[in-house]
């Protein structure tokens, strides 16, 4: 299973955004990370609700909109 790390692309497997792709932008602790995605707003998420994929993107800035664009380019 791919590691939980900043820049890792994941698929939400629980909650109302289940099936949506997102990217980890910050590790909060051993249970929670901060994620953002095209239809997922920037927020905390339990890592049990994420399925990491083999893809990562480089998080170059704090700009959420830029991160969303990079994510779209990576999964297109």
PDB file of N, CA and C in Angstrom:
ATOM      1  N   UNK A   1       0.854  -1.198   0.000  1.00  0.00           N
ATOM      2  CA  UNK A   1       0.000   0.000   0.000  1.00  0.00           C
ATOM      3  C   UNK A   1       0.890   1.250   0.000  1.00  0.00           C
ATOM      4  N   UNK A   2       0.584   2.205  -0.880  1.00  0.00           N
ATOM      5  CA  UNK A   2       1.398   3.432  -0.924  1.00  0.00           C
ATOM      6  C   UNK A   2       1.341   4.192   0.400  1.00  0.00           C
ATOM      7  N   UNK A   3       2.399   4.918   0.659  1.00  0.00           N
ATOM      8  CA  UNK A   3       2.525   5.656   1.918  1.00  0.00           C
ATOM      9  C   UNK A   3       1.597   6.863   1.963  1.00  0.00           C
ATOM     10  N   UNK A   4       1.197   7.216   3.189  1.00  0.00           N
ATOM     11  CA  UNK A   4       0.451   8.453   3.414  1.00  0.00           C
ATOM     12  C   UNK A   4       1.508   9.547   3.543  1.00  0.00           C
ATOM     13  N   UNK A   5       1.554  10.452   2.564  1.00  0.00           N
ATOM     14  CA  UNK A   5       2.565  11.504   2.562  1.00  0.00           C
ATOM     15  C   UNK A   5       2.018  12.731   1.850  1.00  0.00           C
ATOM     16  N   UNK A   6       2.646  13.864   2.072  1.00  0.00           N
ATOM     17  CA  UNK A   6       2.233  15.095   1.398  1.00  0.00           C
ATOM     18  C   UNK A   6       2.436  14.919  -0.104  1.00  0.00           C
ATOM     19  N   UNK A   7       1.405  15.280  -0.874  1.00  0.00           N
ATOM     20  CA  UNK A   7       1.466  15.146  -2.327  1.00  0.00           C
ATOM     21  C   UNK A   7       0.874  13.843  -2.842  1.00  0.00           C
ATOM     22  N   UNK A   8       0.541  12.912  -1.952  1.00  0.00           N
ATOM     23  CA  UNK A   8      -0.033  11.631  -2.370  1.00  0.00           C
ATOM     24  C   UNK A   8      -1.476  11.828  -2.828  1.00  0.00           C
ATOM     25  N   UNK A   9      -1.783  11.324  -4.001  1.00  0.00           N
ATOM     26  CA  UNK A   9      -3.161  11.376  -4.498  1.00  0.00           C
ATOM     27  C   UNK A   9      -3.916  10.192  -3.888  1.00  0.00           C
ATOM     28  N   UNK A  10      -5.126  10.466  -3.406  1.00  0.00           N
ATOM     29  CA  UNK A  10      -5.945   9.444  -2.752  1.00  0.00           C
ATOM     30  C   UNK A  10      -7.360   9.488  -3.299  1.00  0.00           C
ATOM     31  N   UNK A  11      -8.094   8.411  -3.040  1.00  0.00           N
ATOM     32  CA  UNK A  11      -9.524   8.365  -3.351  1.00  0.00           C
ATOM     33  C   UNK A  11     -10.258   8.274  -2.019  1.00  0.00           C
ATOM     34  N   UNK A  12     -11.249   9.139  -1.826  1.00  0.00           N
ATOM     35  CA  UNK A  12     -12.068   9.080  -0.602  1.00  0.00           C
ATOM     36  C   UNK A  12     -12.921   7.815  -0.679  1.00  0.00           C
ATOM     37  N   UNK A  13     -12.952   7.050   0.401  1.00  0.00           N
ATOM     38  CA  UNK A  13     -13.737   5.806   0.400  1.00  0.00           C
ATOM     39  C   UNK A  13     -14.892   5.865   1.388  1.00  0.00           C
ATOM     40  N   UNK A  14     -15.054   7.014   2.059  1.00  0.00           N
ATOM     41  CA  UNK A  14     -16.154   7.158   3.015  1.00  0.00           C
ATOM     42  C   UNK A  14     -16.655   8.594   2.977  1.00  0.00           C
ATOM     43  N   UNK A  15     -17.865   8.790   3.464  1.00  0.00           N
ATOM     44  CA  UNK A  15     -18.426  10.139   3.515  1.00  0.00           C
ATOM     45  C   UNK A  15     -19.117  10.518   2.225  1.00  0.00           C
ATOM     46  N   UNK A  16     -19.616  11.739   2.186  1.00  0.00           N
ATOM     47  CA  UNK A  16     -20.401  12.153   1.018  1.00  0.00           C
ATOM     48  C   UNK A  16     -19.543  12.380  -0.225  1.00  0.00           C
ATOM     49  N   UNK A  17     -18.213  12.444  -0.049  1.00  0.00           N
ATOM     50  CA  UNK A  17     -17.326  12.607  -1.211  1.00  0.00           C
ATOM     51  C   UNK A  17     -16.702  11.291  -1.637  1.00  0.00           C
ATOM     52  N   UNK A  18     -17.251  10.165  -1.192  1.00  0.00           N
ATOM     53  CA  UNK A  18     -16.701   8.850  -1.543  1.00  0.00           C
ATOM     54  C   UNK A  18     -16.564   8.717  -3.057  1.00  0.00           C
ATOM     55  N   UNK A  19     -15.409   8.215  -3.489  1.00  0.00           N
ATOM     56  CA  UNK A  19     -15.144   8.041  -4.910  1.00  0.00           C
ATOM     57  C   UNK A  19     -14.425   9.213  -5.541  1.00  0.00           C
ATOM     58  N   UNK A  20     -14.337  10.332  -4.839  1.00  0.00           N
ATOM     59  CA  UNK A  20     -13.672  11.520  -5.381  1.00  0.00           C
ATOM     60  C   UNK A  20     -12.169  11.452  -5.127  1.00  0.00           C
ATOM     61  N   UNK A  21     -11.392  11.997  -6.064  1.00  0.00           N
ATOM     62  CA  UNK A  21      -9.944  12.044  -5.884  1.00  0.00           C
ATOM     63  C   UNK A  21      -9.546  13.318  -5.152  1.00  0.00           C
ATOM     64  N   UNK A  22      -8.502  13.189  -4.342  1.00  0.00           N
ATOM     65  CA  UNK A  22      -7.997  14.332  -3.584  1.00  0.00           C
ATOM     66  C   UNK A  22      -6.497  14.166  -3.414  1.00  0.00           C
ATOM     67  N   UNK A  23      -5.874  15.181  -2.850  1.00  0.00           N
ATOM     68  CA  UNK A  23      -4.432  15.121  -2.599  1.00  0.00           C
ATOM     69  C   UNK A  23      -4.164  15.559  -1.160  1.00  0.00           C
ATOM     70  N   UNK A  24      -3.203  14.907  -0.522  1.00  0.00           N
ATOM     71  CA  UNK A  24      -2.831  15.256   0.851  1.00  0.00           C
ATOM     72  C   UNK A  24      -1.926  16.483   0.806  1.00  0.00           C
ATOM     73  N   UNK A  25      -2.307  17.543   1.550  1.00  0.00           N
ATOM     74  CA  UNK A  25      -1.470  18.744   1.566  1.00  0.00           C
ATOM     75  C   UNK A  25      -0.782  18.963   2.906  1.00  0.00           C
ATOM     76  N   UNK A  26      -1.211  18.234   3.936  1.00  0.00           N
ATOM     77  CA  UNK A  26      -0.541  18.354   5.227  1.00  0.00           C
ATOM     78  C   UNK A  26      -0.856  17.131   6.084  1.00  0.00           C
ATOM     79  N   UNK A  27       0.145  16.650   6.820  1.00  0.00           N
ATOM     80  CA  UNK A  27      -0.063  15.568   7.786  1.00  0.00           C
ATOM     81  C   UNK A  27      -0.297  16.239   9.136  1.00  0.00           C
ATOM     82  N   UNK A  28      -1.457  15.990   9.742  1.00  0.00           N
ATOM     83  CA  UNK A  28      -1.782  16.629  11.030  1.00  0.00           C
ATOM     84  C   UNK A  28      -1.250  15.778  12.182  1.00  0.00           C
ATOM     85  N   UNK A  29      -1.607  14.489  12.204  1.00  0.00           N
ATOM     86  CA  UNK A  29      -1.059  13.567  13.201  1.00  0.00           C
ATOM     87  C   UNK A  29      -1.158  12.153  12.615  1.00  0.00           C
ATOM     88  N   UNK A  30      -1.049  11.121  13.449  1.00  0.00           N
ATOM     89  CA  UNK A  30      -1.052   9.763  12.907  1.00  0.00           C
ATOM     90  C   UNK A  30      -2.431   9.285  12.455  1.00  0.00           C
ATOM     91  N   UNK A  31      -3.478  10.067  12.704  1.00  0.00           N
ATOM     92  CA  UNK A  31      -4.828   9.675  12.278  1.00  0.00           C
ATOM     93  C   UNK A  31      -5.448  10.621  11.254  1.00  0.00           C
ATOM     94  N   UNK A  32      -4.997  11.866  11.214  1.00  0.00           N
ATOM     95  CA  UNK A  32      -5.637  12.869  10.356  1.00  0.00           C
ATOM     96  C   UNK A  32      -4.650  13.548   9.418  1.00  0.00           C
ATOM     97  N   UNK A  33      -5.163  13.872   8.225  1.00  0.00           N
ATOM     98  CA  UNK A  33      -4.410  14.647   7.245  1.00  0.00           C
ATOM     99  C   UNK A  33      -5.323  15.750   6.726  1.00  0.00           C
ATOM    100  N   UNK A  34      -4.717  16.754   6.122  1.00  0.00           N
ATOM    101  CA  UNK A  34      -5.501  17.802   5.466  1.00  0.00           C
ATOM    102  C   UNK A  34      -5.482  17.502   3.980  1.00  0.00           C
ATOM    103  N   UNK A  35      -6.677  17.514   3.363  1.00  0.00           N
ATOM    104  CA  UNK A  35      -6.799  17.173   1.946  1.00  0.00           C
ATOM    105  C   UNK A  35      -7.497  18.291   1.190  1.00  0.00           C
ATOM    106  N   UNK A  36      -7.342  18.260  -0.121  1.00  0.00           N
ATOM    107  CA  UNK A  36      -8.101  19.136  -1.002  1.00  0.00           C
ATOM    108  C   UNK A  36      -8.295  18.383  -2.316  1.00  0.00           C
ATOM    109  N   UNK A  37      -9.413  18.648  -2.975  1.00  0.00           N
ATOM    110  CA  UNK A  37      -9.692  18.026  -4.263  1.00  0.00           C
ATOM    111  C   UNK A  37     -10.581  18.933  -5.081  1.00  0.00           C
ATOM    112  N   UNK A  38     -10.862  18.502  -6.288  1.00  0.00           N
ATOM    113  CA  UNK A  38     -11.666  19.324  -7.187  1.00  0.00           C
ATOM    114  C   UNK A  38     -13.043  19.605  -6.592  1.00  0.00           C
ATOM    115  N   UNK A  39     -13.695  18.564  -6.052  1.00  0.00           N
ATOM    116  CA  UNK A  39     -15.010  18.768  -5.447  1.00  0.00           C
ATOM    117  C   UNK A  39     -14.964  18.551  -3.935  1.00  0.00           C
ATOM    118  N   UNK A  40     -13.757  18.518  -3.381  1.00  0.00           N
ATOM    119  CA  UNK A  40     -13.578  18.347  -1.938  1.00  0.00           C
ATOM    120  C   UNK A  40     -12.937  19.614  -1.402  1.00  0.00           C
ATOM    121  N   UNK A  41     -13.614  20.250  -0.440  1.00  0.00           N
ATOM    122  CA  UNK A  41     -13.018  21.467   0.070  1.00  0.00           C
ATOM    123  C   UNK A  41     -11.849  21.154   1.009  1.00  0.00           C
ATOM    124  N   UNK A  42     -10.992  22.120   1.153  1.00  0.00           N
ATOM    125  CA  UNK A  42      -9.779  21.979   1.948  1.00  0.00           C
ATOM    126  C   UNK A  42     -10.169  21.712   3.401  1.00  0.00           C
ATOM    127  N   UNK A  43      -9.921  20.471   3.876  1.00  0.00           N
ATOM    128  CA  UNK A  43     -10.294  20.157   5.247  1.00  0.00           C
ATOM    129  C   UNK A  43      -9.586  18.925   5.758  1.00  0.00           C
ATOM    130  N   UNK A  44      -9.784  18.688   7.053  1.00  0.00           N
ATOM    131  CA  UNK A  44      -9.199  17.554   7.747  1.00  0.00           C
ATOM    132  C   UNK A  44      -9.929  16.268   7.361  1.00  0.00           C
ATOM    133  N   UNK A  45      -9.190  15.180   7.298  1.00  0.00           N
ATOM    134  CA  UNK A  45      -9.803  13.903   6.948  1.00  0.00           C
ATOM    135  C   UNK A  45      -9.094  12.776   7.700  1.00  0.00           C
ATOM    136  N   UNK A  46      -9.875  11.814   8.181  1.00  0.00           N
ATOM    137  CA  UNK A  46      -9.317  10.629   8.820  1.00  0.00           C
ATOM    138  C   UNK A  46      -8.639   9.780   7.740  1.00  0.00           C
ATOM    139  N   UNK A  47      -7.414   9.321   7.998  1.00  0.00           N
ATOM    140  CA  UNK A  47      -6.711   8.544   6.965  1.00  0.00           C
ATOM    141  C   UNK A  47      -7.399   7.211   6.678  1.00  0.00           C
ATOM    142  N   UNK A  48      -8.258   6.743   7.589  1.00  0.00           N
ATOM    143  CA  UNK A  48      -9.025   5.519   7.329  1.00  0.00           C
ATOM    144  C   UNK A  48     -10.045   5.725   6.210  1.00  0.00           C
ATOM    145  N   UNK A  49     -10.366   6.975   5.904  1.00  0.00           N
ATOM    146  CA  UNK A  49     -11.346   7.285   4.855  1.00  0.00           C
ATOM    147  C   UNK A  49     -10.684   7.513   3.501  1.00  0.00           C
ATOM    148  N   UNK A  50      -9.371   7.264   3.419  1.00  0.00           N
ATOM    149  CA  UNK A  50      -8.633   7.491   2.179  1.00  0.00           C
ATOM    150  C   UNK A  50      -8.015   6.207   1.659  1.00  0.00           C
ATOM    151  N   UNK A  51      -8.017   6.061   0.343  1.00  0.00           N
ATOM    152  CA  UNK A  51      -7.345   4.954  -0.321  1.00  0.00           C
ATOM    153  C   UNK A  51      -6.240   5.567  -1.183  1.00  0.00           C
ATOM    154  N   UNK A  52      -4.971   5.496  -0.726  1.00  0.00           N
ATOM    155  CA  UNK A  52      -3.898   6.115  -1.516  1.00  0.00           C
ATOM    156  C   UNK A  52      -3.677   5.368  -2.830  1.00  0.00           C
ATOM    157  N   UNK A  53      -3.378   6.105  -3.893  1.00  0.00           N
ATOM    158  CA  UNK A  53      -3.034   5.496  -5.181  1.00  0.00           C
ATOM    159  C   UNK A  53      -1.522   5.648  -5.387  1.00  0.00           C
ATOM    160  N   UNK A  54      -1.010   5.077  -6.459  1.00  0.00           N
ATOM    161  CA  UNK A  54       0.437   5.070  -6.688  1.00  0.00           C
ATOM    162  C   UNK A  54       0.980   6.400  -7.209  1.00  0.00           C
ATOM    163  N   UNK A  55       0.122   7.391  -7.343  1.00  0.00           N
ATOM    164  CA  UNK A  55       0.507   8.670  -7.932  1.00  0.00           C
ATOM    165  C   UNK A  55       0.741   9.733  -6.872  1.00  0.00           C
ATOM    166  N   UNK A  56       1.718  10.612  -7.128  1.00  0.00           N
ATOM    167  CA  UNK A  56       1.926  11.778  -6.263  1.00  0.00           C
ATOM    168  C   UNK A  56       2.074  13.005  -7.143  1.00  0.00           C
ATOM    169  N   UNK A  57       1.817  14.172  -6.549  1.00  0.00           N
ATOM    170  CA  UNK A  57       2.126  15.429  -7.227  1.00  0.00           C
ATOM    171  C   UNK A  57       2.990  16.237  -6.272  1.00  0.00           C
ATOM    172  N   UNK A  58       3.736  17.169  -6.846  1.00  0.00           N
ATOM    173  CA  UNK A  58       4.576  18.029  -6.023  1.00  0.00           C
ATOM    174  C   UNK A  58       3.744  19.217  -5.558  1.00  0.00           C
ATOM    175  N   UNK A  59       3.701  19.446  -4.252  1.00  0.00           N
ATOM    176  CA  UNK A  59       2.985  20.593  -3.692  1.00  0.00           C
ATOM    177  C   UNK A  59       3.983  21.754  -3.669  1.00  0.00           C
ATOM    178  N   UNK A  60       3.813  22.669  -4.634  1.00  0.00           N
ATOM    179  CA  UNK A  60       4.791  23.747  -4.796  1.00  0.00           C
ATOM    180  C   UNK A  60       4.440  24.995  -4.004  1.00  0.00           C
ATOM    181  N   UNK A  61       3.160  25.165  -3.697  1.00  0.00           N
ATOM    182  CA  UNK A  61       2.758  26.411  -3.036  1.00  0.00           C
ATOM    183  C   UNK A  61       1.618  26.151  -2.070  1.00  0.00           C
ATOM    184  N   UNK A  62       1.262  27.191  -1.330  1.00  0.00           N
ATOM    185  CA  UNK A  62       0.127  27.110  -0.398  1.00  0.00           C
ATOM    186  C   UNK A  62      -1.189  27.424  -1.108  1.00  0.00           C
ATOM    187  N   UNK A  63      -1.102  27.789  -2.389  1.00  0.00           N
ATOM    188  CA  UNK A  63      -2.279  28.214  -3.151  1.00  0.00           C
ATOM    189  C   UNK A  63      -3.184  27.017  -3.468  1.00  0.00           C
ATOM    190  N   UNK A  64      -4.349  26.977  -2.819  1.00  0.00           N
ATOM    191  CA  UNK A  64      -5.277  25.856  -2.977  1.00  0.00           C
ATOM    192  C   UNK A  64      -5.726  25.697  -4.428  1.00  0.00           C
ATOM    193  N   UNK A  65      -6.002  26.805  -5.104  1.00  0.00           N
ATOM    194  CA  UNK A  65      -6.455  26.718  -6.496  1.00  0.00           C
ATOM    195  C   UNK A  65      -5.374  26.120  -7.391  1.00  0.00           C
ATOM    196  N   UNK A  66      -4.113  26.476  -7.144  1.00  0.00           N
ATOM    197  CA  UNK A  66      -3.006  25.919  -7.929  1.00  0.00           C
ATOM    198  C   UNK A  66      -2.862  24.423  -7.661  1.00  0.00           C
ATOM    199  N   UNK A  67      -3.023  24.018  -6.400  1.00  0.00           N
ATOM    200  CA  UNK A  67      -2.946  22.600  -6.052  1.00  0.00           C
ATOM    201  C   UNK A  67      -4.054  21.823  -6.767  1.00  0.00           C
ATOM    202  N   UNK A  68      -5.263  22.397  -6.812  1.00  0.00           N
ATOM    203  CA  UNK A  68      -6.378  21.747  -7.518  1.00  0.00           C
ATOM    204  C   UNK A  68      -6.056  21.586  -9.001  1.00  0.00           C
ATOM    205  N   UNK A  69      -5.442  22.615  -9.614  1.00  0.00           N
ATOM    206  CA  UNK A  69      -5.066  22.536 -11.032  1.00  0.00           C
ATOM    207  C   UNK A  69      -4.024  21.449 -11.253  1.00  0.00           C
ATOM    208  N   UNK A  70      -3.023  21.382 -10.357  1.00  0.00           N
ATOM    209  CA  UNK A  70      -1.982  20.352 -10.470  1.00  0.00           C
ATOM    210  C   UNK A  70      -2.593  18.952 -10.344  1.00  0.00           C
ATOM    211  N   UNK A  71      -3.560  18.806  -9.424  1.00  0.00           N
ATOM    212  CA  UNK A  71      -4.243  17.525  -9.238  1.00  0.00           C
ATOM    213  C   UNK A  71      -5.008  17.137 -10.509  1.00  0.00           C
ATOM    214  N   UNK A  72      -5.741  18.086 -11.083  1.00  0.00           N
ATOM    215  CA  UNK A  72      -6.498  17.828 -12.315  1.00  0.00           C
ATOM    216  C   UNK A  72      -5.572  17.395 -13.432  1.00  0.00           C
ATOM    217  N   UNK A  73      -4.418  18.076 -13.562  1.00  0.00           N
ATOM    218  CA  UNK A  73      -3.457  17.732 -14.623  1.00  0.00           C
ATOM    219  C   UNK A  73      -2.913  16.324 -14.417  1.00  0.00           C
ATOM    220  N   UNK A  74      -2.704  15.943 -13.159  1.00  0.00           N
ATOM    221  CA  UNK A  74      -2.117  14.629 -12.857  1.00  0.00           C
ATOM    222  C   UNK A  74      -3.095  13.489 -13.113  1.00  0.00           C
ATOM    223  N   UNK A  75      -4.400  13.727 -12.872  1.00  0.00           N
ATOM    224  CA  UNK A  75      -5.369  12.631 -13.014  1.00  0.00           C
ATOM    225  C   UNK A  75      -6.086  12.637 -14.361  1.00  0.00           C
ATOM    226  N   UNK A  76      -5.799  13.639 -15.191  1.00  0.00           N
ATOM    227  CA  UNK A  76      -6.460  13.736 -16.504  1.00  0.00           C
ATOM    228  C   UNK A  76      -5.960  12.661 -17.459  1.00  0.00           C
TER     229      UNK A  76
END
